[in-house]
Amino acid sequence: MTIDVTGFPRGQSEVAVYSVPRGKTAYIASVTVSVDSTKVADILLFKREGILKSAAPYDAMRSIYSLSGIVGEFVVPPKTLLGPFPELSDIGFMGKVSQTTGEIILIDN
């Protein structure tokens, strides 16, 4: 997933989210976060299971991994798999950044 960078100033946070399909388990294989050199950013990876629940109480969003005070580029070591994220879960990153990319691997249950 990629959050596009445009020349238009948005003045807001961006969110990148992926929903894990039924019958799959997801792992995040790589994460690269780039922040403008004049900015500092905090990035949060979250998951929320049970995305098909249509009435309260809903499952809570859980913080899985966080990065604080990122300046420039930060790469999560490539041999570090984040997860597992079970089927029918939302996973995503939140933060005010210039660009963030991630690669997700799906494995049959």
N, C-alpha and C. Protein backbone atom coordinates (compact mmCIF):
# COMPACT_ATOMS: atom_id res chain seq x y z
N MET A 1 0.84 -1.16 0.00
CA MET A 1 0.00 0.00 0.00
C MET A 1 0.88 1.22 0.00
N THR A 2 0.46 2.25 -0.65
CA THR A 2 1.23 3.49 -0.73
C THR A 2 0.31 4.66 -0.52
N ILE A 3 0.75 5.64 0.25
CA ILE A 3 0.03 6.90 0.37
C ILE A 3 0.70 7.86 -0.60
N ASP A 4 -0.06 8.35 -1.57
CA ASP A 4 0.50 9.22 -2.59
C ASP A 4 0.94 10.55 -2.01
N VAL A 5 2.01 11.08 -2.59
CA VAL A 5 2.51 12.39 -2.23
C VAL A 5 2.11 13.33 -3.37
N THR A 6 1.48 14.42 -3.05
CA THR A 6 1.11 15.40 -4.07
C THR A 6 1.62 16.76 -3.63
N GLY A 7 1.61 17.70 -4.54
CA GLY A 7 2.03 19.05 -4.22
C GLY A 7 0.97 19.84 -3.48
N PHE A 8 -0.21 19.26 -3.30
CA PHE A 8 -1.31 19.95 -2.63
C PHE A 8 -1.19 19.78 -1.13
N PRO A 9 -1.06 20.87 -0.36
CA PRO A 9 -0.94 20.75 1.10
C PRO A 9 -2.27 20.35 1.73
N ARG A 10 -2.29 19.21 2.39
CA ARG A 10 -3.54 18.71 2.97
C ARG A 10 -3.71 19.12 4.43
N GLY A 11 -2.61 19.27 5.18
CA GLY A 11 -2.71 19.66 6.58
C GLY A 11 -3.48 18.67 7.42
N GLN A 12 -3.40 17.38 7.10
CA GLN A 12 -4.13 16.36 7.84
C GLN A 12 -3.32 15.08 7.88
N SER A 13 -3.74 14.16 8.71
CA SER A 13 -3.09 12.86 8.75
C SER A 13 -3.58 12.00 7.60
N GLU A 14 -2.75 11.09 7.18
CA GLU A 14 -3.11 10.11 6.15
C GLU A 14 -3.23 8.75 6.82
N VAL A 15 -4.05 7.88 6.26
CA VAL A 15 -4.24 6.54 6.81
C VAL A 15 -4.13 5.52 5.68
N ALA A 16 -3.36 4.46 5.90
CA ALA A 16 -3.25 3.36 4.96
C ALA A 16 -3.77 2.11 5.67
N VAL A 17 -4.82 1.48 5.12
CA VAL A 17 -5.46 0.34 5.77
C VAL A 17 -5.65 -0.78 4.77
N TYR A 18 -5.52 -2.03 5.25
CA TYR A 18 -5.76 -3.22 4.44
C TYR A 18 -6.63 -4.17 5.25
N SER A 19 -7.62 -4.79 4.60
CA SER A 19 -8.47 -5.79 5.24
C SER A 19 -8.02 -7.17 4.79
N VAL A 20 -7.73 -8.05 5.73
CA VAL A 20 -7.27 -9.40 5.43
C VAL A 20 -8.49 -10.23 5.00
N PRO A 21 -8.43 -10.85 3.81
CA PRO A 21 -9.57 -11.63 3.32
C PRO A 21 -9.82 -12.89 4.15
N ARG A 22 -11.05 -13.39 4.07
CA ARG A 22 -11.42 -14.65 4.72
C ARG A 22 -10.53 -15.77 4.17
N GLY A 23 -10.07 -16.64 5.06
CA GLY A 23 -9.24 -17.77 4.66
C GLY A 23 -7.76 -17.43 4.50
N LYS A 24 -7.35 -16.22 4.89
CA LYS A 24 -5.96 -15.80 4.76
C LYS A 24 -5.43 -15.31 6.11
N THR A 25 -4.13 -15.39 6.28
CA THR A 25 -3.43 -14.78 7.40
C THR A 25 -2.38 -13.87 6.78
N ALA A 26 -2.25 -12.66 7.29
CA ALA A 26 -1.33 -11.69 6.71
C ALA A 26 -0.12 -11.47 7.62
N TYR A 27 1.00 -11.20 7.00
CA TYR A 27 2.23 -10.78 7.66
C TYR A 27 2.76 -9.58 6.89
N ILE A 28 3.28 -8.60 7.56
CA ILE A 28 3.91 -7.47 6.89
C ILE A 28 5.38 -7.78 6.79
N ALA A 29 5.87 -7.83 5.55
CA ALA A 29 7.24 -8.26 5.29
C ALA A 29 8.23 -7.12 5.25
N SER A 30 7.78 -5.94 4.87
CA SER A 30 8.72 -4.82 4.83
C SER A 30 7.96 -3.51 5.02
N VAL A 31 8.62 -2.58 5.66
CA VAL A 31 8.03 -1.26 5.89
C VAL A 31 9.14 -0.23 5.70
N THR A 32 8.86 0.76 4.88
CA THR A 32 9.75 1.89 4.72
C THR A 32 8.95 3.15 4.98
N VAL A 33 9.42 3.98 5.88
CA VAL A 33 8.76 5.23 6.20
C VAL A 33 9.69 6.37 5.83
N SER A 34 9.21 7.30 5.02
CA SER A 34 10.00 8.47 4.65
C SER A 34 9.29 9.72 5.14
N VAL A 35 10.03 10.57 5.82
CA VAL A 35 9.48 11.81 6.36
C VAL A 35 10.31 12.96 5.82
N ASP A 36 9.65 14.04 5.42
CA ASP A 36 10.38 15.21 4.95
C ASP A 36 11.47 15.56 5.96
N SER A 37 12.61 16.00 5.45
CA SER A 37 13.75 16.27 6.33
C SER A 37 13.48 17.40 7.32
N THR A 38 12.48 18.22 7.06
CA THR A 38 12.16 19.31 7.98
C THR A 38 11.08 18.94 8.98
N LYS A 39 10.61 17.68 8.93
CA LYS A 39 9.52 17.25 9.81
C LYS A 39 9.95 16.07 10.67
N VAL A 40 9.23 15.87 11.73
CA VAL A 40 9.38 14.70 12.60
C VAL A 40 8.02 14.03 12.66
N ALA A 41 7.98 12.71 12.60
CA ALA A 41 6.70 12.02 12.59
C ALA A 41 6.69 10.85 13.56
N ASP A 42 5.51 10.56 14.07
CA ASP A 42 5.25 9.34 14.84
C ASP A 42 4.34 8.47 13.99
N ILE A 43 4.68 7.20 13.87
CA ILE A 43 3.93 6.27 13.03
C ILE A 43 3.43 5.13 13.91
N LEU A 44 2.21 4.70 13.67
CA LEU A 44 1.59 3.64 14.46
C LEU A 44 1.02 2.57 13.52
N LEU A 45 1.38 1.31 13.76
CA LEU A 45 0.76 0.18 13.07
C LEU A 45 -0.31 -0.37 14.00
N PHE A 46 -1.51 -0.57 13.47
CA PHE A 46 -2.60 -1.08 14.30
C PHE A 46 -3.28 -2.26 13.63
N LYS A 47 -4.05 -3.01 14.44
CA LYS A 47 -4.94 -4.04 13.89
C LYS A 47 -6.27 -3.94 14.62
N ARG A 48 -7.32 -4.34 13.92
CA ARG A 48 -8.65 -4.45 14.51
C ARG A 48 -9.27 -5.71 13.93
N GLU A 49 -9.51 -6.68 14.80
CA GLU A 49 -10.10 -7.95 14.37
C GLU A 49 -11.62 -7.85 14.35
N GLY A 50 -12.26 -8.85 13.77
CA GLY A 50 -13.72 -8.92 13.77
C GLY A 50 -14.38 -7.83 12.96
N ILE A 51 -13.87 -7.58 11.75
CA ILE A 51 -14.36 -6.44 10.97
C ILE A 51 -15.79 -6.61 10.46
N LEU A 52 -16.35 -7.81 10.55
CA LEU A 52 -17.73 -8.00 10.08
C LEU A 52 -18.77 -7.74 11.16
N LYS A 53 -18.35 -7.44 12.37
CA LYS A 53 -19.32 -7.12 13.43
C LYS A 53 -20.10 -5.88 13.03
N SER A 54 -21.41 -5.98 13.08
CA SER A 54 -22.23 -4.86 12.63
C SER A 54 -22.92 -4.13 13.78
N ALA A 55 -22.67 -4.56 15.00
CA ALA A 55 -23.27 -3.90 16.17
C ALA A 55 -22.27 -3.91 17.32
N ALA A 56 -22.39 -2.92 18.17
CA ALA A 56 -21.50 -2.83 19.34
C ALA A 56 -21.75 -4.01 20.27
N PRO A 57 -20.77 -4.48 21.01
CA PRO A 57 -19.43 -3.91 21.12
C PRO A 57 -18.53 -4.40 19.99
N TYR A 58 -17.79 -3.47 19.38
CA TYR A 58 -16.84 -3.78 18.33
C TYR A 58 -15.49 -4.12 18.95
N ASP A 59 -14.67 -4.87 18.23
CA ASP A 59 -13.31 -5.14 18.70
C ASP A 59 -12.52 -3.84 18.67
N ALA A 60 -11.65 -3.67 19.65
CA ALA A 60 -10.85 -2.45 19.75
C ALA A 60 -9.69 -2.47 18.76
N MET A 61 -9.27 -1.28 18.33
CA MET A 61 -8.03 -1.14 17.57
C MET A 61 -6.88 -1.37 18.55
N ARG A 62 -5.92 -2.17 18.16
CA ARG A 62 -4.78 -2.49 19.01
C ARG A 62 -3.49 -1.99 18.36
N SER A 63 -2.66 -1.32 19.12
CA SER A 63 -1.36 -0.89 18.64
C SER A 63 -0.43 -2.09 18.58
N ILE A 64 0.20 -2.31 17.43
CA ILE A 64 1.08 -3.45 17.23
C ILE A 64 2.54 -3.03 17.22
N TYR A 65 2.81 -1.88 16.62
CA TYR A 65 4.19 -1.42 16.44
C TYR A 65 4.16 0.09 16.31
N SER A 66 5.06 0.78 16.96
CA SER A 66 5.08 2.23 16.84
C SER A 66 6.50 2.74 16.64
N LEU A 67 6.59 3.81 15.90
CA LEU A 67 7.85 4.49 15.64
C LEU A 67 7.68 5.93 16.08
N SER A 68 8.60 6.44 16.87
CA SER A 68 8.50 7.81 17.37
C SER A 68 9.70 8.63 16.93
N GLY A 69 9.44 9.88 16.59
CA GLY A 69 10.50 10.80 16.26
C GLY A 69 11.24 10.48 14.98
N ILE A 70 10.54 9.97 13.98
CA ILE A 70 11.18 9.59 12.72
C ILE A 70 11.50 10.84 11.91
N VAL A 71 12.73 10.94 11.46
CA VAL A 71 13.18 12.00 10.57
C VAL A 71 13.90 11.32 9.42
N GLY A 72 13.65 11.76 8.19
CA GLY A 72 14.29 11.14 7.04
C GLY A 72 13.66 9.79 6.74
N GLU A 73 14.48 8.78 6.47
CA GLU A 73 13.95 7.46 6.10
C GLU A 73 14.26 6.45 7.19
N PHE A 74 13.28 5.60 7.48
CA PHE A 74 13.44 4.51 8.44
C PHE A 74 12.93 3.23 7.79
N VAL A 75 13.71 2.15 7.87
CA VAL A 75 13.33 0.87 7.30
C VAL A 75 13.28 -0.16 8.42
N VAL A 76 12.14 -0.83 8.59
CA VAL A 76 12.06 -1.95 9.53
C VAL A 76 12.94 -3.04 8.95
N PRO A 77 13.83 -3.65 9.75
CA PRO A 77 14.74 -4.66 9.21
C PRO A 77 14.00 -5.71 8.37
N PRO A 78 14.53 -6.04 7.18
CA PRO A 78 13.80 -6.91 6.24
C PRO A 78 13.52 -8.31 6.74
N LYS A 79 14.21 -8.80 7.75
CA LYS A 79 13.95 -10.15 8.25
C LYS A 79 12.98 -10.14 9.43
N THR A 80 12.35 -8.98 9.68
CA THR A 80 11.40 -8.86 10.77
C THR A 80 9.99 -8.91 10.21
N LEU A 81 9.30 -10.05 10.36
CA LEU A 81 7.91 -10.15 9.93
C LEU A 81 7.02 -9.61 11.05
N LEU A 82 6.11 -8.73 10.71
CA LEU A 82 5.14 -8.22 11.68
C LEU A 82 3.84 -9.00 11.49
N GLY A 83 3.28 -9.49 12.56
CA GLY A 83 2.06 -10.28 12.46
C GLY A 83 2.15 -11.44 13.42
N PRO A 84 1.30 -12.42 13.29
CA PRO A 84 0.32 -12.59 12.22
C PRO A 84 -0.93 -11.73 12.44
N PHE A 85 -1.60 -11.44 11.33
CA PHE A 85 -2.87 -10.74 11.34
C PHE A 85 -3.92 -11.71 10.80
N PRO A 86 -4.87 -12.15 11.63
CA PRO A 86 -5.82 -13.18 11.20
C PRO A 86 -6.83 -12.67 10.18
N GLU A 87 -7.51 -13.63 9.57
CA GLU A 87 -8.54 -13.28 8.59
C GLU A 87 -9.55 -12.30 9.18
N LEU A 88 -10.12 -11.49 8.32
CA LEU A 88 -11.15 -10.51 8.68
C LEU A 88 -10.66 -9.53 9.73
N SER A 89 -9.39 -9.11 9.57
CA SER A 89 -8.81 -8.07 10.41
C SER A 89 -8.46 -6.87 9.52
N ASP A 90 -8.58 -5.69 10.08
CA ASP A 90 -8.03 -4.50 9.43
C ASP A 90 -6.64 -4.29 10.00
N ILE A 91 -5.68 -4.00 9.13
CA ILE A 91 -4.35 -3.62 9.58
C ILE A 91 -4.00 -2.32 8.87
N GLY A 92 -3.28 -1.46 9.54
CA GLY A 92 -2.95 -0.20 8.88
C GLY A 92 -1.95 0.62 9.64
N PHE A 93 -1.52 1.67 8.97
CA PHE A 93 -0.59 2.63 9.53
C PHE A 93 -1.28 3.98 9.61
N MET A 94 -1.00 4.71 10.67
CA MET A 94 -1.48 6.07 10.79
C MET A 94 -0.30 6.96 11.14
N GLY A 95 -0.33 8.15 10.60
CA GLY A 95 0.71 9.12 10.90
C GLY A 95 0.74 10.23 9.89
N LYS A 96 1.36 11.31 10.25
CA LYS A 96 1.53 12.42 9.32
C LYS A 96 2.91 12.29 8.71
N VAL A 97 2.95 11.79 7.49
CA VAL A 97 4.21 11.51 6.81
C VAL A 97 4.12 11.93 5.36
N SER A 98 5.28 12.05 4.72
CA SER A 98 5.28 12.38 3.30
C SER A 98 5.04 11.15 2.45
N GLN A 99 5.45 9.96 2.94
CA GLN A 99 5.24 8.73 2.18
C GLN A 99 5.43 7.54 3.10
N THR A 100 4.62 6.51 2.96
CA THR A 100 4.84 5.26 3.68
C THR A 100 4.44 4.10 2.79
N THR A 101 5.25 3.06 2.75
CA THR A 101 4.93 1.90 1.94
C THR A 101 5.08 0.65 2.77
N GLY A 102 4.34 -0.37 2.44
CA GLY A 102 4.43 -1.64 3.12
C GLY A 102 4.10 -2.77 2.18
N GLU A 103 4.66 -3.93 2.42
CA GLU A 103 4.39 -5.11 1.61
C GLU A 103 3.72 -6.13 2.51
N ILE A 104 2.62 -6.70 2.05
CA ILE A 104 1.86 -7.66 2.85
C ILE A 104 1.91 -9.02 2.17
N ILE A 105 2.21 -10.06 2.94
CA ILE A 105 2.23 -11.43 2.43
C ILE A 105 1.00 -12.15 2.96
N LEU A 106 0.21 -12.79 2.09
CA LEU A 106 -0.96 -13.57 2.49
C LEU A 106 -0.63 -15.06 2.40
N ILE A 107 -0.99 -15.81 3.45
CA ILE A 107 -0.74 -17.23 3.51
C ILE A 107 -2.07 -17.93 3.74
N ASP A 108 -2.39 -18.96 2.94
CA ASP A 108 -3.62 -19.72 3.12
C ASP A 108 -3.67 -20.34 4.51
N ASN A 109 -4.87 -20.31 5.16
CA ASN A 109 -5.03 -20.93 6.47
C ASN A 109 -5.08 -22.43 6.35
